Amino acid sequence: MVLIIQERATIKQVEQMLQTLRVYIKVAVDIEKGILAGGGEKHADCEAALLEDGSRQQDIWGADWIPFNQSIAFESIINIRPSQNNRSMLIQDPVIRERVQKITQELIGGYESEFR
């Protein structure tokens, strides 16, 4: 289930986003709007939800959120963007990584004790 999260998620929403992959959540983060879409099987599903909601593709970056240890992996095929000097699945710009981390932590982080 892909959910768009615009303000702090509830534990129930985090659990819904975990339904598909169980141990981590695929997320696409709009670094300009400060929102994310999470859940589903692919980052592209999350990206599509944000695009449908009015986000601009150049503002959306993919990552994986692991709730049990509050860690993030900045790797996704949607991050390959030669036009934005990101030629890798990994988000190469440390400023963008920091924004993705901060938005993700603020919106869906902090529930690690619920998943241990």
C-alpha atoms as a PDB file:
ATOM      1  CA  MET A   1       0.000   0.000   0.000  1.00  0.00           C
ATOM      2  CA  VAL A   2       1.426   3.382  -1.040  1.00  0.00           C
ATOM      3  CA  LEU A   3       0.553   6.296   1.215  1.00  0.00           C
ATOM      4  CA  ILE A   4       1.381   9.960   0.751  1.00  0.00           C
ATOM      5  CA  ILE A   5       2.592  11.365   4.061  1.00  0.00           C
ATOM      6  CA  GLN A   6       2.425  15.134   4.450  1.00  0.00           C
ATOM      7  CA  GLU A   7       2.658  15.337   8.226  1.00  0.00           C
ATOM      8  CA  ARG A   8       3.922  12.994  10.936  1.00  0.00           C
ATOM      9  CA  ALA A   9       2.691   9.466  10.204  1.00  0.00           C
ATOM     10  CA  THR A  10       0.884   7.413  12.783  1.00  0.00           C
ATOM     11  CA  ILE A  11       2.180   3.989  13.796  1.00  0.00           C
ATOM     12  CA  LYS A  12      -0.785   2.514  11.880  1.00  0.00           C
ATOM     13  CA  GLN A  13       0.321   4.276   8.680  1.00  0.00           C
ATOM     14  CA  VAL A  14       3.893   3.011   9.127  1.00  0.00           C
ATOM     15  CA  GLU A  15       2.542  -0.512   9.615  1.00  0.00           C
ATOM     16  CA  GLN A  16       0.462  -0.159   6.428  1.00  0.00           C
ATOM     17  CA  MET A  17       3.537   0.919   4.456  1.00  0.00           C
ATOM     18  CA  LEU A  18       5.432  -2.094   5.834  1.00  0.00           C
ATOM     19  CA  GLN A  19       2.793  -4.588   4.666  1.00  0.00           C
ATOM     20  CA  THR A  20       4.424  -5.253   1.301  1.00  0.00           C
ATOM     21  CA  LEU A  21       8.109  -5.713   2.174  1.00  0.00           C
ATOM     22  CA  ARG A  22       7.787  -6.326   5.953  1.00  0.00           C
ATOM     23  CA  VAL A  23      11.267  -5.129   7.053  1.00  0.00           C
ATOM     24  CA  TYR A  24      11.705  -1.881   5.140  1.00  0.00           C
ATOM     25  CA  ILE A  25       9.689   0.748   3.310  1.00  0.00           C
ATOM     26  CA  LYS A  26      10.308   1.982  -0.222  1.00  0.00           C
ATOM     27  CA  VAL A  27       9.963   5.769  -0.182  1.00  0.00           C
ATOM     28  CA  ALA A  28      10.018   8.578  -2.710  1.00  0.00           C
ATOM     29  CA  VAL A  29      10.651  11.952  -1.106  1.00  0.00           C
ATOM     30  CA  ASP A  30       9.708  15.339  -2.563  1.00  0.00           C
ATOM     31  CA  ILE A  31      12.546  17.458  -1.176  1.00  0.00           C
ATOM     32  CA  GLU A  32      10.834  20.739  -2.108  1.00  0.00           C
ATOM     33  CA  LYS A  33       7.402  20.044  -0.610  1.00  0.00           C
ATOM     34  CA  GLY A  34       8.830  18.109   2.350  1.00  0.00           C
ATOM     35  CA  ILE A  35       6.510  15.140   1.817  1.00  0.00           C
ATOM     36  CA  LEU A  36       6.947  11.489   0.916  1.00  0.00           C
ATOM     37  CA  ALA A  37       5.126   8.531  -0.519  1.00  0.00           C
ATOM     38  CA  GLY A  38       5.929   5.188   1.063  1.00  0.00           C
ATOM     39  CA  GLY A  39       5.014   1.537   0.679  1.00  0.00           C
ATOM     40  CA  GLY A  40       4.524  -0.711  -2.310  1.00  0.00           C
ATOM     41  CA  GLU A  41       7.010  -2.884  -4.142  1.00  0.00           C
ATOM     42  CA  LYS A  42       8.901  -0.262  -6.147  1.00  0.00           C
ATOM     43  CA  HIS A  43      10.172   3.259  -5.699  1.00  0.00           C
ATOM     44  CA  ALA A  44       8.488   4.019  -9.023  1.00  0.00           C
ATOM     45  CA  ASP A  45       5.086   3.298  -7.417  1.00  0.00           C
ATOM     46  CA  CYS A  46       5.821   5.921  -4.773  1.00  0.00           C
ATOM     47  CA  GLU A  47       7.171   8.340  -7.360  1.00  0.00           C
ATOM     48  CA  ALA A  48       3.990   7.917  -9.443  1.00  0.00           C
ATOM     49  CA  ALA A  49       1.813   8.713  -6.420  1.00  0.00           C
ATOM     50  CA  LEU A  50       3.731  11.942  -5.803  1.00  0.00           C
ATOM     51  CA  LEU A  51       3.608  12.935  -9.479  1.00  0.00           C
ATOM     52  CA  GLU A  52      -0.141  12.362  -9.500  1.00  0.00           C
ATOM     53  CA  ASP A  53      -0.344  14.550  -6.387  1.00  0.00           C
ATOM     54  CA  GLY A  54       1.405  17.428  -8.183  1.00  0.00           C
ATOM     55  CA  SER A  55       5.083  16.949  -7.327  1.00  0.00           C
ATOM     56  CA  ARG A  56       7.752  17.687  -9.924  1.00  0.00           C
ATOM     57  CA  GLN A  57       9.882  14.726 -11.002  1.00  0.00           C
ATOM     58  CA  GLN A  58      13.160  16.623 -10.467  1.00  0.00           C
ATOM     59  CA  ASP A  59      12.253  17.084  -6.776  1.00  0.00           C
ATOM     60  CA  ILE A  60      11.578  13.377  -6.079  1.00  0.00           C
ATOM     61  CA  TRP A  61      14.308  11.054  -4.796  1.00  0.00           C
ATOM     62  CA  GLY A  62      14.084   7.384  -3.847  1.00  0.00           C
ATOM     63  CA  ALA A  63      15.334   5.624  -0.726  1.00  0.00           C
ATOM     64  CA  ASP A  64      14.600   2.713   1.597  1.00  0.00           C
ATOM     65  CA  TRP A  65      13.637   3.286   5.242  1.00  0.00           C
ATOM     66  CA  ILE A  66      14.392   0.559   7.794  1.00  0.00           C
ATOM     67  CA  PRO A  67      12.209   1.299  10.841  1.00  0.00           C
ATOM     68  CA  PHE A  68      13.736  -1.167  13.307  1.00  0.00           C
ATOM     69  CA  ASN A  69      17.091   0.647  13.344  1.00  0.00           C
ATOM     70  CA  GLN A  70      16.050   4.032  11.877  1.00  0.00           C
ATOM     71  CA  SER A  71      18.451   3.750   8.956  1.00  0.00           C
ATOM     72  CA  ILE A  72      18.124   4.814   5.357  1.00  0.00           C
ATOM     73  CA  ALA A  73      19.614   3.558   2.095  1.00  0.00           C
ATOM     74  CA  PHE A  74      19.807   6.219  -0.607  1.00  0.00           C
ATOM     75  CA  GLU A  75      19.690   3.817  -3.546  1.00  0.00           C
ATOM     76  CA  SER A  76      16.961   3.603  -6.172  1.00  0.00           C
ATOM     77  CA  ILE A  77      16.696   3.334  -9.922  1.00  0.00           C
ATOM     78  CA  ILE A  78      14.572   6.508  -9.927  1.00  0.00           C
ATOM     79  CA  ASN A  79      17.685   8.397  -8.768  1.00  0.00           C
ATOM     80  CA  ILE A  80      19.518   7.890 -12.075  1.00  0.00           C
ATOM     81  CA  ARG A  81      19.367  11.401 -13.510  1.00  0.00           C
ATOM     82  CA  PRO A  82      22.124  12.403 -15.898  1.00  0.00           C
ATOM     83  CA  SER A  83      20.379  15.765 -16.425  1.00  0.00           C
ATOM     84  CA  GLN A  84      20.812  16.480 -12.692  1.00  0.00           C
ATOM     85  CA  ASN A  85      24.374  15.087 -12.563  1.00  0.00           C
ATOM     86  CA  ASN A  86      23.288  11.952 -10.708  1.00  0.00           C
ATOM     87  CA  ARG A  87      24.470   9.069 -12.883  1.00  0.00           C
ATOM     88  CA  SER A  88      24.063   6.429 -10.192  1.00  0.00           C
ATOM     89  CA  MET A  89      21.231   4.737  -8.317  1.00  0.00           C
ATOM     90  CA  LEU A  90      22.820   6.221  -5.191  1.00  0.00           C
ATOM     91  CA  ILE A  91      21.977   9.848  -4.384  1.00  0.00           C
ATOM     92  CA  GLN A  92      25.377  11.427  -4.889  1.00  0.00           C
ATOM     93  CA  ASP A  93      24.724  14.989  -3.698  1.00  0.00           C
ATOM     94  CA  PRO A  94      25.206  15.155   0.101  1.00  0.00           C
ATOM     95  CA  VAL A  95      22.745  18.063   0.371  1.00  0.00           C
ATOM     96  CA  ILE A  96      19.990  16.038  -1.304  1.00  0.00           C
ATOM     97  CA  ARG A  97      20.818  12.982   0.856  1.00  0.00           C
ATOM     98  CA  GLU A  98      20.560  15.154   3.967  1.00  0.00           C
ATOM     99  CA  ARG A  99      17.150  16.514   2.915  1.00  0.00           C
ATOM    100  CA  VAL A 100      15.832  13.031   2.109  1.00  0.00           C
ATOM    101  CA  GLN A 101      17.100  11.773   5.498  1.00  0.00           C
ATOM    102  CA  LYS A 102      15.600  14.691   7.430  1.00  0.00           C
ATOM    103  CA  ILE A 103      12.177  14.553   5.763  1.00  0.00           C
ATOM    104  CA  THR A 104      11.968  10.771   6.105  1.00  0.00           C
ATOM    105  CA  GLN A 105      13.002  10.829   9.777  1.00  0.00           C
ATOM    106  CA  GLU A 106      10.538  13.603  10.591  1.00  0.00           C
ATOM    107  CA  LEU A 107       7.599  11.987   8.793  1.00  0.00           C
ATOM    108  CA  ILE A 108       7.978   8.250   9.486  1.00  0.00           C
ATOM    109  CA  GLY A 109      10.901   7.883  11.903  1.00  0.00           C
ATOM    110  CA  GLY A 110      10.903   7.362  15.641  1.00  0.00           C
ATOM    111  CA  TYR A 111       8.959   4.121  15.852  1.00  0.00           C
ATOM    112  CA  GLU A 112      11.942   1.774  16.128  1.00  0.00           C
ATOM    113  CA  SER A 113      10.832   0.297  19.469  1.00  0.00           C
ATOM    114  CA  GLU A 114       7.582  -0.816  17.827  1.00  0.00           C
ATOM    115  CA  PHE A 115       9.463  -3.015  15.340  1.00  0.00           C
ATOM    116  CA  ARG A 116      12.065  -4.752  17.484  1.00  0.00           C
END
